[in-house]
Amino acid sequence: MQKTIIHTDKAPAAIGPYSQAVKVDQTVYLSGQIALNPVDNQFKGGDIREQTKQVFANLRAVCEAAGGSLADIVKLQIYLTDLSHFETVNELMRAELEAPYPARAAIGVSQLPKGALVEMDGVAVIRG
């Protein structure tokens, strides 16, 4: 088993004792991303659209640092503080990912770090 810690300055630094991602062989375990700006690690507030776009940008940066892309995600978890945003997040997911889409869960939660409206984590498989 080969374990590699993934880090990039193009995604926000971890705000706790964890890594942006951990790659074990070809599998990459992506830590949760909220709408933090990677330049200053400050929360990028705004509406669900703005936050979701930033979350996908952060996930993309971590996937790229691991040698892959968003297309390599095989399982995605989406945490929403308001499930009425479900369709908006679906729309933005279709814009960011191509079919066939990853397996996914969308989970309603009472709150997220820094008052975020959305958080995503996942698993990617990167060959090569």
Protein backbone atom coordinates (compact mmCIF):
# COMPACT_ATOMS: atom_id res chain seq x y z
CA MET A 1 0.00 0.00 0.00
CA GLN A 2 1.33 3.40 -1.01
CA LYS A 3 -0.09 6.34 0.94
CA THR A 4 0.48 9.92 -0.24
CA ILE A 5 -0.76 13.13 1.36
CA ILE A 6 -2.16 15.52 -1.26
CA HIS A 7 -1.71 19.26 -0.80
CA THR A 8 -2.06 22.23 -3.12
CA ASP A 9 -2.01 25.97 -2.58
CA LYS A 10 -4.78 26.18 -5.24
CA ALA A 11 -7.26 24.88 -2.65
CA PRO A 12 -7.82 26.16 0.88
CA ALA A 13 -5.54 24.89 3.60
CA ALA A 14 -7.15 22.51 6.06
CA ILE A 15 -8.88 24.33 8.93
CA GLY A 16 -8.23 21.46 11.32
CA PRO A 17 -6.03 18.42 11.86
CA TYR A 18 -6.60 16.77 8.46
CA SER A 19 -5.21 16.72 4.92
CA GLN A 20 -6.87 18.09 1.78
CA ALA A 21 -6.78 14.52 0.48
CA VAL A 22 -5.04 11.21 0.98
CA LYS A 23 -4.13 8.97 -1.94
CA VAL A 24 -3.82 5.25 -1.30
CA ASP A 25 -2.63 3.47 -4.43
CA GLN A 26 -5.10 4.77 -7.08
CA THR A 27 -7.83 5.87 -4.66
CA VAL A 28 -8.01 9.47 -3.47
CA TYR A 29 -10.06 10.31 -0.39
CA LEU A 30 -11.08 13.97 -0.70
CA SER A 31 -11.70 15.90 2.51
CA GLY A 32 -14.75 18.10 2.77
CA GLN A 33 -14.59 21.41 0.95
CA ILE A 34 -16.61 24.50 1.73
CA ALA A 35 -16.47 27.86 -0.05
CA LEU A 36 -13.11 28.98 1.29
CA ASN A 37 -10.99 31.17 -0.95
CA PRO A 38 -7.62 29.43 -1.42
CA VAL A 39 -5.75 32.74 -1.62
CA ASP A 40 -6.51 33.91 1.91
CA ASN A 41 -8.35 30.87 3.36
CA GLN A 42 -11.29 33.16 4.16
CA PHE A 43 -14.90 32.11 3.73
CA LYS A 44 -16.42 33.22 0.46
CA GLY A 45 -20.01 33.86 1.48
CA GLY A 46 -22.84 34.58 -0.86
CA ASP A 47 -25.66 32.50 -2.19
CA ILE A 48 -25.78 28.77 -2.84
CA ARG A 49 -24.65 29.23 -6.47
CA GLU A 50 -21.52 31.16 -5.56
CA GLN A 51 -20.65 28.80 -2.73
CA THR A 52 -21.22 25.66 -4.81
CA LYS A 53 -19.04 26.97 -7.64
CA GLN A 54 -16.22 27.66 -5.17
CA VAL A 55 -16.59 24.19 -3.64
CA PHE A 56 -16.25 22.58 -7.09
CA ALA A 57 -13.21 24.80 -7.83
CA ASN A 58 -11.61 23.63 -4.58
CA LEU A 59 -12.36 19.96 -5.31
CA ARG A 60 -11.00 20.38 -8.84
CA ALA A 61 -7.72 21.82 -7.50
CA VAL A 62 -7.25 18.92 -5.08
CA CYS A 63 -8.08 16.34 -7.77
CA GLU A 64 -5.56 17.98 -10.10
CA ALA A 65 -2.91 17.99 -7.36
CA ALA A 66 -3.49 14.24 -7.06
CA GLY A 67 -2.94 13.83 -10.80
CA GLY A 68 -6.59 13.63 -11.84
CA SER A 69 -9.69 15.70 -12.46
CA LEU A 70 -13.29 16.01 -11.31
CA ALA A 71 -14.11 13.28 -13.85
CA ASP A 72 -12.21 10.81 -11.63
CA ILE A 73 -14.64 11.21 -8.72
CA VAL A 74 -16.56 7.96 -8.22
CA LYS A 75 -18.43 8.92 -5.03
CA LEU A 76 -19.54 12.39 -3.99
CA GLN A 77 -21.22 13.43 -0.75
CA ILE A 78 -23.05 16.75 -0.66
CA TYR A 79 -24.08 18.30 2.64
CA LEU A 80 -26.72 21.06 2.49
CA THR A 81 -28.06 23.20 5.31
CA ASP A 82 -31.22 23.75 3.26
CA LEU A 83 -32.50 20.94 1.04
CA SER A 84 -34.48 23.46 -1.00
CA HIS A 85 -31.10 24.13 -2.70
CA PHE A 86 -31.06 20.55 -4.02
CA GLU A 87 -32.05 21.45 -7.62
CA THR A 88 -29.61 24.37 -7.81
CA VAL A 89 -26.75 22.12 -6.70
CA ASN A 90 -27.88 19.48 -9.23
CA GLU A 91 -27.79 22.11 -11.99
CA LEU A 92 -24.27 23.20 -11.05
CA MET A 93 -23.13 19.59 -10.72
CA ARG A 94 -24.30 18.90 -14.29
CA ALA A 95 -22.28 21.94 -15.41
CA GLU A 96 -19.11 20.75 -13.63
CA LEU A 97 -19.25 16.99 -14.29
CA GLU A 98 -20.03 14.91 -17.34
CA ALA A 99 -22.07 11.73 -17.53
CA PRO A 100 -21.66 9.10 -16.36
CA TYR A 101 -21.95 10.87 -13.03
CA PRO A 102 -20.45 9.55 -9.79
CA ALA A 103 -22.45 7.79 -7.14
CA ARG A 104 -23.75 10.43 -4.76
CA ALA A 105 -25.52 11.26 -1.55
CA ALA A 106 -27.18 14.59 -0.71
CA ILE A 107 -27.62 15.01 3.01
CA GLY A 108 -29.46 17.72 4.93
CA VAL A 109 -27.52 18.97 7.95
CA SER A 110 -28.29 21.60 10.56
CA GLN A 111 -25.07 23.56 10.08
CA LEU A 112 -21.64 23.52 8.46
CA PRO A 113 -18.30 25.16 9.37
CA LYS A 114 -18.11 28.95 9.01
CA GLY A 115 -21.83 29.16 8.22
CA ALA A 116 -21.42 27.47 4.83
CA LEU A 117 -24.54 26.45 2.92
CA VAL A 118 -22.85 23.50 1.18
CA GLU A 119 -19.93 21.15 1.75
CA MET A 120 -18.73 18.28 -0.44
CA ASP A 121 -16.30 15.42 -0.01
CA GLY A 122 -15.70 12.35 -2.06
CA VAL A 123 -13.62 9.52 -3.40
CA ALA A 124 -11.74 9.56 -6.71
CA VAL A 125 -9.92 6.79 -8.53
CA ILE A 126 -6.96 8.03 -10.56
CA ARG A 127 -5.17 5.64 -12.87
CA GLY A 128 -1.67 6.18 -14.14
